[in-house]
Amino acid sequence: MAAFDTPIEDAGDTLSGPLRSPRQMLAAQEYDSHASIHDDATAQKLGFKGGTIEGPTHFSQFAPLCVTAWGVQWLESGCLSAHYRNPCFEGERVRAFIAKPAPGATHAAIWMQREDGVEILKGTASLGPDHPPTALDQRLAELRPLEQRVILRDVEVGVRSPRLTVRMDPDQHMGALYPFSLNDKLKVITENSPWYSASGAAESPWKQPIIPLEMISVLLNHPTWPVPIPVKGPVVGLFADQEIRLLHGPLFVGEPYEIDREVVALSGSKRTESMWVRTRVYRPGKDEVIATMLLNSAYLKESYAGYAAEAAAGLPALR
């Protein structure tokens, strides 16, 4: 039994999947007791036409391309590293592309386009530990320090959480941040696999269901920090960059894992202040890192009511 039955178009130098319409499942999302960028009314106040589809939803469309390029081993030690360029909304159709890697190559460019040609994301896919820097390795190396900090005034690079226990069962509701279960997702996921559920997992190399790459983001993001990171708010954020890397995967449905998180960088743009967090995944009681996620959460300055006054006052950070 194959991992995917997605039709793949081979254009010689690229592989691409079909146009898909990803589903918006976060309209009811809440964090810090308020609605998110995925809520239509909140998004429209900030100039978007509606609630945006969360970026890692698009990762599923790349999985069949990467398995075509590198085989099933990509599900054990693969990586997607992406900069989100433009939002995608319910009803829009998008297509995933990968530059076909040369024989023996373990690194390739990826991108996604909306049906009208607008670029939704770009980045890299890779296999195993030995490859050139990923898209986000490069972005981190080129970041400029966040010169004026308002929303992130009291956040310090290097803050690291203690370990947290996480797991994802098939019908487990993933909380206010992710108000759905894995089984709910599998009903609408753009690229399903028999290996994602118990009924088909017996035919997989691991004989147990694996967590889809986009749901690894849910698994690693849903628990709150034991000591909250002092992001000033209420404020609305969005995912601007994200990398999910499997080192000794896959991650399995129903398996307990431990994670910790570390703030590794702060950056900004004209509209945002950004906090980059690296999450590491471990087997319980072990020190070997088996997967990582790097996430840039970009907070919209205009969504924080006190931004202009605090920026003008130039208040010092708390210590």
Protein backbone atom coordinates (compact mmCIF):
# COMPACT_ATOMS: atom_id res chain seq x y z
CA MET A 1 0.00 0.00 0.00
CA ALA A 2 1.42 3.40 -1.01
CA ALA A 3 1.63 6.31 1.40
CA PHE A 4 -0.36 8.60 -0.92
CA ASP A 5 -2.47 8.32 -4.04
CA THR A 6 -2.05 12.02 -4.93
CA PRO A 7 -1.57 12.55 -8.69
CA ILE A 8 1.87 14.08 -9.30
CA GLU A 9 2.79 16.04 -12.42
CA ASP A 10 6.42 15.70 -13.54
CA ALA A 11 7.43 18.70 -15.63
CA GLY A 12 11.06 17.62 -15.97
CA ASP A 13 12.61 20.04 -13.49
CA THR A 14 9.65 20.26 -11.08
CA LEU A 15 7.09 18.04 -9.43
CA SER A 16 3.67 19.46 -8.59
CA GLY A 17 0.43 18.25 -7.09
CA PRO A 18 -3.14 19.09 -8.04
CA LEU A 19 -4.98 22.28 -7.16
CA ARG A 20 -6.52 21.83 -3.72
CA SER A 21 -8.93 23.87 -1.57
CA PRO A 22 -7.65 23.65 2.02
CA ARG A 23 -10.25 23.98 4.77
CA GLN A 24 -10.34 26.63 7.47
CA MET A 25 -10.73 24.87 10.84
CA LEU A 26 -9.76 27.68 13.24
CA ALA A 27 -12.72 30.06 13.04
CA ALA A 28 -13.48 29.26 16.70
CA GLN A 29 -9.84 29.48 17.85
CA GLU A 30 -9.14 31.47 21.00
CA TYR A 31 -5.94 32.49 22.71
CA ASP A 32 -5.43 34.90 25.60
CA SER A 33 -9.26 34.93 25.83
CA HIS A 34 -9.81 36.60 22.45
CA ALA A 35 -10.38 35.60 18.83
CA SER A 36 -7.51 35.09 16.39
CA ILE A 37 -6.56 36.06 12.83
CA HIS A 38 -8.57 33.02 11.72
CA ASP A 39 -11.82 34.66 12.85
CA ASP A 40 -13.49 36.57 9.99
CA ALA A 41 -14.41 39.67 12.00
CA THR A 42 -11.01 39.95 13.66
CA ALA A 43 -9.16 39.46 10.38
CA GLN A 44 -11.33 42.00 8.54
CA LYS A 45 -10.60 44.66 11.17
CA LEU A 46 -6.92 44.18 10.34
CA GLY A 47 -7.39 44.52 6.59
CA PHE A 48 -7.73 40.88 5.56
CA LYS A 49 -10.73 39.75 3.53
CA GLY A 50 -11.55 37.03 6.06
CA GLY A 51 -10.13 34.52 8.47
CA THR A 52 -6.88 33.12 7.13
CA ILE A 53 -6.07 29.42 6.76
CA GLU A 54 -3.25 28.48 9.13
CA GLY A 55 0.05 28.12 7.30
CA PRO A 56 1.00 24.54 8.28
CA THR A 57 -2.26 23.34 6.70
CA HIS A 58 -0.36 23.71 3.42
CA PHE A 59 2.40 21.33 4.52
CA SER A 60 0.18 18.36 3.72
CA GLN A 61 0.28 19.16 0.00
CA PHE A 62 4.07 18.85 0.01
CA ALA A 63 4.24 15.43 1.69
CA PRO A 64 3.40 13.39 -1.46
CA LEU A 65 5.90 15.45 -3.49
CA CYS A 66 8.69 14.81 -0.99
CA VAL A 67 7.88 11.09 -0.78
CA THR A 68 7.98 10.97 -4.59
CA ALA A 69 11.36 12.74 -4.55
CA TRP A 70 13.03 10.82 -1.70
CA GLY A 71 10.88 7.84 -0.79
CA VAL A 72 9.26 6.81 2.47
CA GLN A 73 12.39 7.71 4.43
CA TRP A 74 11.33 11.36 4.11
CA LEU A 75 8.51 10.58 6.58
CA GLU A 76 11.22 9.57 9.08
CA SER A 77 13.87 12.24 8.55
CA GLY A 78 12.36 14.92 6.32
CA CYS A 79 12.08 18.67 6.79
CA LEU A 80 9.89 21.46 5.41
CA SER A 81 11.12 25.00 6.00
CA ALA A 82 8.86 27.80 4.79
CA HIS A 83 8.32 31.55 4.75
CA TYR A 84 4.63 32.36 4.48
CA ARG A 85 4.28 35.03 1.80
CA ASN A 86 0.55 35.66 1.39
CA PRO A 87 -2.57 34.45 3.18
CA CYS A 88 -4.92 31.84 1.79
CA PHE A 89 -8.66 31.91 2.41
CA GLU A 90 -11.44 29.33 2.44
CA GLY A 91 -12.51 28.47 -1.11
CA GLU A 92 -9.24 29.40 -2.79
CA ARG A 93 -7.32 26.74 -4.70
CA VAL A 94 -3.56 26.31 -4.31
CA ARG A 95 -0.88 24.05 -5.79
CA ALA A 96 2.38 22.80 -4.24
CA PHE A 97 5.65 22.58 -6.20
CA ILE A 98 9.10 21.14 -5.52
CA ALA A 99 12.18 21.55 -7.69
CA LYS A 100 13.08 17.98 -8.63
CA PRO A 101 16.28 17.11 -6.74
CA ALA A 102 19.21 15.77 -8.72
CA PRO A 103 20.17 12.14 -8.03
CA GLY A 104 21.71 11.98 -4.56
CA ALA A 105 20.66 15.53 -3.63
CA THR A 106 18.97 15.96 -0.24
CA HIS A 107 17.76 19.56 -0.57
CA ALA A 108 15.29 21.28 -2.90
CA ALA A 109 13.30 24.49 -3.27
CA ILE A 110 9.56 24.39 -2.60
CA TRP A 111 6.81 26.90 -3.27
CA MET A 112 3.04 27.13 -3.35
CA GLN A 113 0.93 29.21 -5.70
CA ARG A 114 -2.68 30.22 -5.64
CA GLU A 115 -4.65 29.45 -8.78
CA ASP A 116 -4.06 33.02 -10.04
CA GLY A 117 -0.27 32.70 -9.61
CA VAL A 118 0.09 34.54 -6.28
CA GLU A 119 2.81 32.94 -4.15
CA ILE A 120 1.49 31.63 -0.82
CA LEU A 121 4.77 30.30 0.57
CA LYS A 122 8.32 29.49 -0.45
CA GLY A 123 11.15 27.62 1.20
CA THR A 124 13.03 24.35 1.14
CA ALA A 125 12.46 20.65 1.63
CA SER A 126 15.28 18.38 2.72
CA LEU A 127 16.12 14.87 3.80
CA GLY A 128 18.30 13.70 6.67
CA PRO A 129 20.95 15.62 8.57
CA ASP A 130 23.36 16.36 5.71
CA HIS A 131 22.17 19.13 3.40
CA PRO A 132 22.70 22.87 2.80
CA PRO A 133 21.08 25.37 5.19
CA THR A 134 17.30 25.31 5.14
CA ALA A 135 15.25 28.37 4.21
CA LEU A 136 14.84 29.32 7.87
CA ASP A 137 18.48 28.58 8.73
CA GLN A 138 19.25 31.30 6.19
CA ARG A 139 16.58 33.69 7.48
CA LEU A 140 17.78 33.36 11.07
CA ALA A 141 21.36 34.05 10.02
CA GLU A 142 20.29 37.24 8.26
CA LEU A 143 17.91 38.65 10.90
CA ARG A 144 18.44 42.17 12.14
CA PRO A 145 17.87 42.81 15.85
CA LEU A 146 14.46 44.17 16.83
CA GLU A 147 15.42 47.77 17.57
CA GLN A 148 12.20 49.08 19.11
CA ARG A 149 10.34 46.57 21.25
CA VAL A 150 6.82 47.31 22.43
CA ILE A 151 4.75 44.12 22.22
CA LEU A 152 7.87 42.03 22.95
CA ARG A 153 9.44 44.55 25.32
CA ASP A 154 9.72 42.08 28.19
CA VAL A 155 10.61 38.94 26.19
CA GLU A 156 14.19 37.72 26.41
CA VAL A 157 16.05 35.55 23.93
CA GLY A 158 17.19 32.33 25.59
CA VAL A 159 14.11 31.80 27.77
CA ARG A 160 13.43 28.08 27.80
CA SER A 161 10.52 26.11 29.17
CA PRO A 162 10.70 22.98 31.29
CA ARG A 163 9.59 19.81 29.57
CA LEU A 164 5.91 19.35 28.84
CA THR A 165 4.14 16.07 28.06
CA VAL A 166 2.12 15.91 24.82
CA ARG A 167 0.25 13.29 22.84
CA MET A 168 -2.35 13.16 20.09
CA ASP A 169 -5.06 10.53 20.19
CA PRO A 170 -7.40 10.16 17.20
CA ASP A 171 -10.45 11.76 18.87
CA GLN A 172 -8.59 14.05 21.27
CA HIS A 173 -9.90 17.63 21.17
CA MET A 174 -6.77 19.78 21.06
CA GLY A 175 -8.11 22.68 23.12
CA ALA A 176 -9.11 26.32 22.56
CA LEU A 177 -6.11 26.93 20.33
CA TYR A 178 -6.99 23.98 18.08
CA PRO A 179 -10.72 23.25 18.47
CA PHE A 180 -10.76 19.95 16.58
CA SER A 181 -9.33 16.43 16.69
CA LEU A 182 -7.05 14.45 14.39
CA ASN A 183 -10.05 12.50 13.12
CA ASP A 184 -11.82 15.80 12.36
CA LYS A 185 -8.78 16.90 10.35
CA LEU A 186 -8.55 13.62 8.43
CA LYS A 187 -12.07 14.15 7.12
CA VAL A 188 -10.95 17.30 5.25
CA ILE A 189 -7.14 17.09 4.93
CA THR A 190 -5.97 17.89 1.40
CA GLU A 191 -3.75 14.79 1.10
CA ASN A 192 -4.89 11.87 3.20
CA SER A 193 -2.87 8.71 3.73
CA PRO A 194 -3.92 5.26 4.91
CA TRP A 195 -0.92 5.46 7.22
CA TYR A 196 -2.54 8.28 9.23
CA SER A 197 -5.19 5.99 10.75
CA ALA A 198 -5.25 2.63 12.49
CA SER A 199 -7.13 0.90 9.67
CA GLY A 200 -4.34 1.41 7.17
CA ALA A 201 -1.32 1.58 9.45
CA ALA A 202 -0.84 -2.19 9.44
CA GLU A 203 0.39 -1.77 5.84
CA SER A 204 2.89 0.96 6.78
CA PRO A 205 6.58 0.37 7.55
CA TRP A 206 5.94 1.16 11.25
CA LYS A 207 2.66 -0.78 11.76
CA GLN A 208 1.10 2.13 13.68
CA PRO A 209 -0.51 5.38 12.51
CA ILE A 210 1.69 8.41 12.03
CA ILE A 211 0.84 12.06 12.69
CA PRO A 212 0.54 14.15 9.50
CA LEU A 213 3.18 16.87 9.26
CA GLU A 214 0.63 19.68 9.54
CA MET A 215 -0.74 18.10 12.72
CA ILE A 216 2.73 18.00 14.27
CA SER A 217 2.34 21.78 14.41
CA VAL A 218 -0.90 21.30 16.35
CA LEU A 219 0.71 18.77 18.70
CA LEU A 220 3.63 21.05 19.53
CA ASN A 221 1.69 24.32 19.78
CA HIS A 222 -1.38 23.35 21.77
CA PRO A 223 0.08 23.18 25.32
CA THR A 224 0.59 26.56 26.98
CA TRP A 225 3.90 27.67 28.46
CA PRO A 226 4.00 26.79 32.20
CA VAL A 227 5.21 30.34 32.86
CA PRO A 228 3.60 32.61 30.24
CA ILE A 229 5.91 34.49 27.91
CA PRO A 230 5.26 38.22 28.62
CA VAL A 231 3.91 39.22 25.20
CA LYS A 232 1.93 42.45 25.69
CA GLY A 233 -1.69 42.25 24.69
CA PRO A 234 -4.39 41.71 23.78
CA VAL A 235 -2.64 41.35 20.44
CA VAL A 236 -3.27 39.34 17.27
CA GLY A 237 -0.48 37.27 15.76
CA LEU A 238 0.07 35.09 12.74
CA PHE A 239 2.58 32.49 11.61
CA ALA A 240 5.18 34.14 9.37
CA ASP A 241 7.83 31.40 9.14
CA GLN A 242 7.77 27.74 10.13
CA GLU A 243 10.01 24.72 9.91
CA ILE A 244 9.17 21.17 10.96
CA ARG A 245 12.09 18.76 10.99
CA LEU A 246 11.97 15.03 11.70
CA LEU A 247 15.24 13.57 12.96
CA HIS A 248 14.18 10.15 14.20
CA GLY A 249 10.55 9.97 13.12
CA PRO A 250 7.81 9.58 12.37
CA LEU A 251 5.79 10.83 15.34
CA PHE A 252 2.99 8.41 16.14
CA VAL A 253 -0.67 8.81 17.00
CA GLY A 254 -1.34 7.96 20.64
CA GLU A 255 2.35 8.03 21.66
CA PRO A 256 3.42 10.24 24.59
CA TYR A 257 6.24 12.70 23.91
CA GLU A 258 8.01 15.42 25.85
CA ILE A 259 8.77 18.87 24.46
CA ASP A 260 10.55 21.99 25.53
CA ARG A 261 10.56 25.44 23.93
CA GLU A 262 13.16 28.18 23.64
CA VAL A 263 12.94 31.77 22.40
CA VAL A 264 15.82 31.87 19.91
CA ALA A 265 15.39 35.28 18.21
CA LEU A 266 13.34 38.47 18.06
CA SER A 267 12.82 40.41 14.84
CA GLY A 268 10.39 42.81 13.24
CA SER A 269 8.97 44.53 10.20
CA LYS A 270 6.98 47.66 9.50
CA ARG A 271 3.77 45.94 10.65
CA THR A 272 4.97 43.29 13.10
CA GLU A 273 7.13 42.30 16.04
CA SER A 274 8.23 38.67 15.79
CA MET A 275 9.20 36.01 18.30
CA TRP A 276 11.06 32.95 17.02
CA VAL A 277 10.60 29.83 19.15
CA ARG A 278 12.30 26.46 18.68
CA THR A 279 10.45 23.43 20.07
CA ARG A 280 12.35 20.20 20.64
CA VAL A 281 10.67 16.79 20.86
CA TYR A 282 11.92 13.88 23.00
CA ARG A 283 10.77 10.43 23.94
CA PRO A 284 9.73 10.40 27.61
CA GLY A 285 12.72 10.46 29.92
CA LYS A 286 15.23 10.55 27.04
CA ASP A 287 17.60 13.32 25.94
CA GLU A 288 17.81 12.55 22.23
CA VAL A 289 15.97 15.13 20.13
CA ILE A 290 13.74 13.29 17.65
CA ALA A 291 12.05 16.29 15.97
CA THR A 292 12.08 20.07 16.08
CA MET A 293 9.85 22.95 15.08
CA LEU A 294 10.97 26.53 14.48
CA LEU A 295 8.12 29.03 14.47
CA ASN A 296 8.09 32.77 13.90
CA SER A 297 4.96 34.24 15.50
CA ALA A 298 4.53 37.74 14.10
CA TYR A 299 2.38 40.08 16.21
CA LEU A 300 0.53 42.83 14.36
CA LYS A 301 1.38 46.25 15.82
CA GLU A 302 -1.98 47.71 14.81
CA SER A 303 -3.81 45.04 16.82
CA TYR A 304 -2.27 46.24 20.12
CA ALA A 305 -4.21 49.24 21.38
CA GLY A 306 -1.33 50.79 23.28
CA TYR A 307 1.28 50.44 20.57
CA ALA A 308 1.59 54.06 19.36
CA ALA A 309 1.66 55.57 22.86
CA GLU A 310 4.17 53.08 24.22
CA ALA A 311 6.40 53.36 21.15
CA ALA A 312 6.41 57.17 21.50
CA ALA A 313 7.20 56.95 25.21
CA GLY A 314 10.10 54.58 24.59
CA LEU A 315 9.52 52.71 27.82
CA PRO A 316 12.43 50.51 28.95
CA ALA A 317 12.05 46.76 29.11
CA LEU A 318 11.37 45.16 32.48
CA ARG A 319 14.22 43.21 34.02
